[in-house]
Protein backbone atom coordinates (compact mmCIF):
# COMPACT_ATOMS: atom_id res chain seq x y z
CA MET A 1 -9.53 7.75 -16.26
CA LYS A 2 -10.15 11.20 -13.58
CA LYS A 3 -12.15 8.69 -10.85
CA ASN A 4 -8.98 6.11 -10.90
CA ILE A 5 -6.12 8.74 -11.47
CA LEU A 6 -8.37 10.78 -8.08
CA TRP A 7 -8.40 6.91 -6.52
CA GLY A 8 -4.98 6.49 -7.02
CA ILE A 9 -3.77 9.83 -5.92
CA LEU A 10 -5.79 8.54 -2.42
CA ASN A 11 -4.45 5.16 -2.17
CA SER A 12 -1.04 6.81 -2.52
CA ILE A 13 -1.30 8.54 0.48
CA PHE A 14 -0.10 5.94 3.50
CA LEU A 15 3.18 5.54 1.32
CA ILE A 16 3.33 9.05 0.98
CA VAL A 17 3.44 10.00 4.38
CA PHE A 18 5.21 6.83 5.45
CA ASN A 19 7.54 7.44 3.58
CA VAL A 20 8.06 10.77 4.36
CA LEU A 21 8.51 10.67 8.04
CA PHE A 22 10.51 7.48 8.21
CA PHE A 23 13.61 9.17 6.11
CA VAL A 24 13.42 12.78 7.57
CA LEU A 25 12.94 11.13 11.08
CA GLY A 26 15.06 7.63 10.80
CA GLY A 27 17.65 8.68 8.19
CA THR A 28 19.21 6.07 5.82
CA GLU A 29 21.17 4.09 7.73
CA HIS A 30 19.53 1.11 9.05
CA ASN A 31 19.78 -2.46 9.63
CA LEU A 32 18.76 -5.16 7.77
CA SER A 33 16.05 -6.04 9.42
CA VAL A 34 14.39 -2.44 9.31
CA TRP A 35 14.91 -2.81 5.65
CA MET A 36 13.02 -6.23 5.10
CA SER A 37 10.46 -4.72 7.06
CA TYR A 38 10.35 -1.41 5.94
CA GLY A 39 9.92 -3.79 2.66
CA PHE A 40 7.08 -6.18 3.60
CA ILE A 41 5.68 -2.80 4.45
CA HIS A 42 5.49 -1.65 1.01
CA PHE A 43 4.29 -5.60 -0.40
CA ALA A 44 1.32 -5.77 1.52
CA TYR A 45 -0.01 -2.24 1.21
CA PHE A 46 0.17 -3.14 -2.77
CA MET A 47 -1.37 -5.79 -1.54
CA LEU A 48 -3.62 -4.45 0.26
CA LEU A 49 -5.04 -2.07 -3.02
CA PHE A 50 -4.63 -5.08 -4.98
CA THR A 51 -7.04 -8.14 -3.97
CA PRO A 52 -9.88 -6.13 -5.14
CA ILE A 53 -8.69 -6.05 -8.50
CA ILE A 54 -7.89 -9.85 -8.53
CA THR A 55 -11.14 -11.21 -6.95
CA ARG A 56 -14.53 -11.32 -8.89
CA GLU A 57 -17.73 -10.55 -6.79
CA SER A 58 -20.51 -13.20 -8.29
CA LYS A 59 -24.03 -14.86 -6.96
CA LYS A 60 -21.99 -17.57 -5.62
CA THR A 61 -19.84 -15.39 -3.01
CA ARG A 62 -22.10 -12.87 -2.24
CA GLN A 63 -22.70 -11.98 1.76
CA TYR A 64 -26.14 -11.00 2.30
């Protein structure tokens, strides 16, 4: 249980730092294209974290 919490915190560090820098340096007044990019960055990072959960390793897919 503690291991999962620690990994969750470590995986969240990038998003926390990114969001702090985004809002501190840029503020909240942005064009639609910036907000779309912001959303896609978050979506891509969540997919990066979620991919190992949805994939399974089997003997057929293992690379030697």
